[in-house]
Amino acid sequence: MLLSAGTFTHSDFYMSAQILKLASAGDGKHTDKAIEMALLRYWRQGLLKRARRQGRFYYTLTERGIARRDWLLKTRGTSEA
């Protein structure tokens, strides 16, 4: 998965440049275009809400995104035990 389950908090808006920085800080294998496409895919799936301000997109988790994040964290925790 391009962005880890713990990347977003439900109450914060992240500018797309901040997300690129967070995601690329990981393993360094992902290009900016790959990250942009992942954000678009997550938005289309209803996991992220985006708002355009001054020509930039800002992202935050939707209720569906929060539920998916919580499920991933729970599933991940039980599979490592």
N, C-alpha and C. Protein backbone atom coordinates (compact mmCIF):
# COMPACT_ATOMS: atom_id res chain seq x y z
N MET A 1 0.85 -1.18 0.00
CA MET A 1 0.00 0.00 0.00
C MET A 1 0.90 1.24 0.00
N LEU A 2 0.54 2.18 -0.81
CA LEU A 2 1.35 3.37 -0.99
C LEU A 2 1.40 4.23 0.27
N LEU A 3 0.29 4.42 0.92
CA LEU A 3 0.22 5.21 2.14
C LEU A 3 -0.16 4.28 3.28
N SER A 4 0.58 4.34 4.36
CA SER A 4 0.30 3.43 5.47
C SER A 4 -0.97 3.83 6.20
N ALA A 5 -1.51 2.89 6.93
CA ALA A 5 -2.77 3.13 7.64
C ALA A 5 -2.65 4.24 8.66
N GLY A 6 -1.49 4.47 9.19
CA GLY A 6 -1.31 5.50 10.20
C GLY A 6 -0.93 6.87 9.65
N THR A 7 -0.90 7.04 8.34
CA THR A 7 -0.47 8.30 7.75
C THR A 7 -1.41 9.44 8.05
N PHE A 8 -2.71 9.21 7.99
CA PHE A 8 -3.69 10.27 8.15
C PHE A 8 -4.36 10.22 9.52
N THR A 9 -4.71 11.39 10.03
CA THR A 9 -5.60 11.47 11.17
C THR A 9 -6.92 12.01 10.65
N HIS A 10 -8.01 11.71 11.32
CA HIS A 10 -9.32 12.04 10.78
C HIS A 10 -9.64 13.52 10.82
N SER A 11 -8.98 14.30 11.64
CA SER A 11 -9.36 15.69 11.79
C SER A 11 -8.46 16.66 11.03
N ASP A 12 -7.39 16.18 10.46
CA ASP A 12 -6.45 17.06 9.80
C ASP A 12 -6.64 17.08 8.29
N PHE A 13 -6.43 18.26 7.71
CA PHE A 13 -6.35 18.38 6.26
C PHE A 13 -4.88 18.39 5.90
N TYR A 14 -4.54 17.67 4.86
CA TYR A 14 -3.17 17.63 4.39
C TYR A 14 -3.11 18.17 2.97
N MET A 15 -2.19 19.08 2.72
CA MET A 15 -1.97 19.58 1.39
C MET A 15 -1.29 18.46 0.59
N SER A 16 -1.57 18.37 -0.69
CA SER A 16 -1.02 17.29 -1.50
C SER A 16 0.51 17.24 -1.40
N ALA A 17 1.17 18.38 -1.30
CA ALA A 17 2.63 18.39 -1.17
C ALA A 17 3.07 17.73 0.14
N GLN A 18 2.29 17.92 1.21
CA GLN A 18 2.61 17.27 2.49
C GLN A 18 2.48 15.76 2.37
N ILE A 19 1.46 15.32 1.65
CA ILE A 19 1.25 13.88 1.48
C ILE A 19 2.39 13.29 0.66
N LEU A 20 2.80 13.99 -0.39
CA LEU A 20 3.93 13.52 -1.18
C LEU A 20 5.17 13.36 -0.31
N LYS A 21 5.40 14.31 0.57
CA LYS A 21 6.56 14.26 1.46
C LYS A 21 6.44 13.08 2.43
N LEU A 22 5.25 12.89 3.03
CA LEU A 22 5.04 11.78 3.95
C LEU A 22 5.24 10.43 3.26
N ALA A 23 4.67 10.29 2.09
CA ALA A 23 4.73 9.01 1.38
C ALA A 23 6.12 8.73 0.84
N SER A 24 6.81 9.74 0.36
CA SER A 24 8.12 9.50 -0.22
C SER A 24 9.19 9.32 0.85
N ALA A 25 8.90 9.70 2.09
CA ALA A 25 9.85 9.52 3.18
C ALA A 25 9.99 8.04 3.56
N GLY A 26 9.05 7.23 3.14
CA GLY A 26 9.07 5.81 3.48
C GLY A 26 10.22 5.07 2.81
N ASP A 27 9.92 4.31 1.78
CA ASP A 27 10.94 3.49 1.14
C ASP A 27 11.59 4.16 -0.06
N GLY A 28 11.07 5.30 -0.50
CA GLY A 28 11.66 6.03 -1.61
C GLY A 28 11.42 5.41 -2.97
N LYS A 29 10.61 4.37 -3.06
CA LYS A 29 10.37 3.69 -4.34
C LYS A 29 9.25 4.32 -5.15
N HIS A 30 8.46 5.20 -4.55
CA HIS A 30 7.28 5.73 -5.23
C HIS A 30 7.55 7.09 -5.83
N THR A 31 7.12 7.27 -7.06
CA THR A 31 7.27 8.55 -7.73
C THR A 31 6.12 9.47 -7.32
N ASP A 32 6.30 10.75 -7.57
CA ASP A 32 5.24 11.72 -7.29
C ASP A 32 3.97 11.35 -8.04
N LYS A 33 4.11 10.91 -9.29
CA LYS A 33 2.95 10.56 -10.11
C LYS A 33 2.20 9.37 -9.50
N ALA A 34 2.92 8.39 -9.00
CA ALA A 34 2.28 7.22 -8.38
C ALA A 34 1.50 7.64 -7.14
N ILE A 35 2.06 8.55 -6.38
CA ILE A 35 1.38 9.02 -5.17
C ILE A 35 0.14 9.82 -5.54
N GLU A 36 0.26 10.69 -6.55
CA GLU A 36 -0.90 11.46 -7.01
C GLU A 36 -2.02 10.54 -7.49
N MET A 37 -1.66 9.47 -8.20
CA MET A 37 -2.66 8.52 -8.70
C MET A 37 -3.31 7.77 -7.55
N ALA A 38 -2.53 7.44 -6.53
CA ALA A 38 -3.09 6.76 -5.36
C ALA A 38 -4.09 7.67 -4.65
N LEU A 39 -3.74 8.94 -4.48
CA LEU A 39 -4.66 9.89 -3.85
C LEU A 39 -5.94 10.01 -4.65
N LEU A 40 -5.83 10.08 -5.97
CA LEU A 40 -7.01 10.14 -6.83
C LEU A 40 -7.86 8.89 -6.67
N ARG A 41 -7.21 7.73 -6.63
CA ARG A 41 -7.93 6.46 -6.46
C ARG A 41 -8.65 6.41 -5.11
N TYR A 42 -7.97 6.81 -4.04
CA TYR A 42 -8.59 6.80 -2.72
C TYR A 42 -9.76 7.79 -2.66
N TRP A 43 -9.61 8.93 -3.32
CA TRP A 43 -10.71 9.91 -3.38
C TRP A 43 -11.90 9.34 -4.13
N ARG A 44 -11.65 8.69 -5.27
CA ARG A 44 -12.74 8.09 -6.05
C ARG A 44 -13.44 6.98 -5.27
N GLN A 45 -12.70 6.26 -4.44
CA GLN A 45 -13.29 5.20 -3.63
C GLN A 45 -14.05 5.74 -2.43
N GLY A 46 -13.96 7.04 -2.19
CA GLY A 46 -14.66 7.64 -1.07
C GLY A 46 -13.89 7.57 0.24
N LEU A 47 -12.62 7.24 0.18
CA LEU A 47 -11.81 7.13 1.40
C LEU A 47 -11.26 8.49 1.82
N LEU A 48 -11.08 9.38 0.85
CA LEU A 48 -10.57 10.71 1.12
C LEU A 48 -11.54 11.76 0.61
N LYS A 49 -11.58 12.87 1.30
CA LYS A 49 -12.32 14.04 0.83
C LYS A 49 -11.26 15.05 0.43
N ARG A 50 -11.50 15.75 -0.68
CA ARG A 50 -10.52 16.74 -1.07
C ARG A 50 -11.19 18.08 -1.31
N ALA A 51 -10.47 19.11 -1.00
CA ALA A 51 -10.96 20.48 -1.20
C ALA A 51 -9.87 21.23 -1.95
N ARG A 52 -10.29 22.06 -2.88
CA ARG A 52 -9.32 22.84 -3.65
C ARG A 52 -9.28 24.25 -3.10
N ARG A 53 -8.10 24.67 -2.72
CA ARG A 53 -7.90 26.03 -2.20
C ARG A 53 -6.68 26.63 -2.89
N GLN A 54 -6.88 27.74 -3.52
CA GLN A 54 -5.80 28.46 -4.19
C GLN A 54 -4.99 27.55 -5.12
N GLY A 55 -5.70 26.73 -5.86
CA GLY A 55 -5.05 25.88 -6.85
C GLY A 55 -4.40 24.62 -6.31
N ARG A 56 -4.55 24.33 -5.03
CA ARG A 56 -3.98 23.12 -4.44
C ARG A 56 -5.08 22.29 -3.83
N PHE A 57 -4.88 20.98 -3.86
CA PHE A 57 -5.83 20.07 -3.22
C PHE A 57 -5.39 19.81 -1.78
N TYR A 58 -6.38 19.77 -0.90
CA TYR A 58 -6.18 19.40 0.50
C TYR A 58 -7.02 18.15 0.75
N TYR A 59 -6.46 17.19 1.45
CA TYR A 59 -7.12 15.91 1.67
C TYR A 59 -7.36 15.66 3.15
N THR A 60 -8.46 14.98 3.44
CA THR A 60 -8.74 14.50 4.78
C THR A 60 -9.51 13.18 4.64
N LEU A 61 -9.51 12.41 5.70
CA LEU A 61 -10.23 11.14 5.68
C LEU A 61 -11.73 11.36 5.79
N THR A 62 -12.49 10.55 5.08
CA THR A 62 -13.94 10.52 5.23
C THR A 62 -14.28 9.49 6.31
N GLU A 63 -15.54 9.38 6.65
CA GLU A 63 -15.96 8.35 7.62
C GLU A 63 -15.59 6.96 7.09
N ARG A 64 -15.78 6.76 5.80
CA ARG A 64 -15.42 5.49 5.19
C ARG A 64 -13.91 5.25 5.28
N GLY A 65 -13.13 6.31 5.07
CA GLY A 65 -11.68 6.21 5.18
C GLY A 65 -11.24 5.90 6.59
N ILE A 66 -11.92 6.49 7.57
CA ILE A 66 -11.60 6.22 8.98
C ILE A 66 -11.89 4.76 9.30
N ALA A 67 -13.03 4.27 8.82
CA ALA A 67 -13.38 2.87 9.05
C ALA A 67 -12.36 1.93 8.41
N ARG A 68 -11.92 2.26 7.18
CA ARG A 68 -10.92 1.43 6.50
C ARG A 68 -9.59 1.48 7.25
N ARG A 69 -9.18 2.66 7.71
CA ARG A 69 -7.93 2.80 8.46
C ARG A 69 -7.98 1.96 9.74
N ASP A 70 -9.09 2.08 10.46
CA ASP A 70 -9.23 1.32 11.71
C ASP A 70 -9.21 -0.18 11.45
N TRP A 71 -9.87 -0.61 10.38
CA TRP A 71 -9.87 -2.03 10.02
C TRP A 71 -8.46 -2.49 9.68
N LEU A 72 -7.74 -1.68 8.90
CA LEU A 72 -6.36 -2.05 8.54
C LEU A 72 -5.47 -2.15 9.77
N LEU A 73 -5.60 -1.20 10.68
CA LEU A 73 -4.79 -1.24 11.90
C LEU A 73 -5.12 -2.46 12.75
N LYS A 74 -6.41 -2.79 12.84
CA LYS A 74 -6.83 -3.95 13.62
C LYS A 74 -6.35 -5.24 12.96
N THR A 75 -6.52 -5.35 11.66
CA THR A 75 -6.11 -6.55 10.92
C THR A 75 -4.60 -6.73 10.96
N ARG A 76 -3.90 -5.66 10.78
CA ARG A 76 -2.45 -5.70 10.84
C ARG A 76 -1.94 -6.15 12.19
N GLY A 77 -2.58 -5.66 13.24
CA GLY A 77 -2.17 -6.00 14.59
C GLY A 77 -2.36 -7.48 14.90
N THR A 78 -3.45 -8.07 14.40
CA THR A 78 -3.72 -9.48 14.69
C THR A 78 -2.87 -10.40 13.83
N SER A 79 -2.49 -9.97 12.63
CA SER A 79 -1.70 -10.84 11.77
C SER A 79 -0.24 -10.92 12.20
N GLU A 80 0.22 -9.91 12.94
CA GLU A 80 1.61 -9.92 13.39
C GLU A 80 1.79 -10.71 14.69
N ALA A 81 0.72 -11.03 15.36
CA ALA A 81 0.81 -11.72 16.65
C ALA A 81 1.13 -13.19 16.48
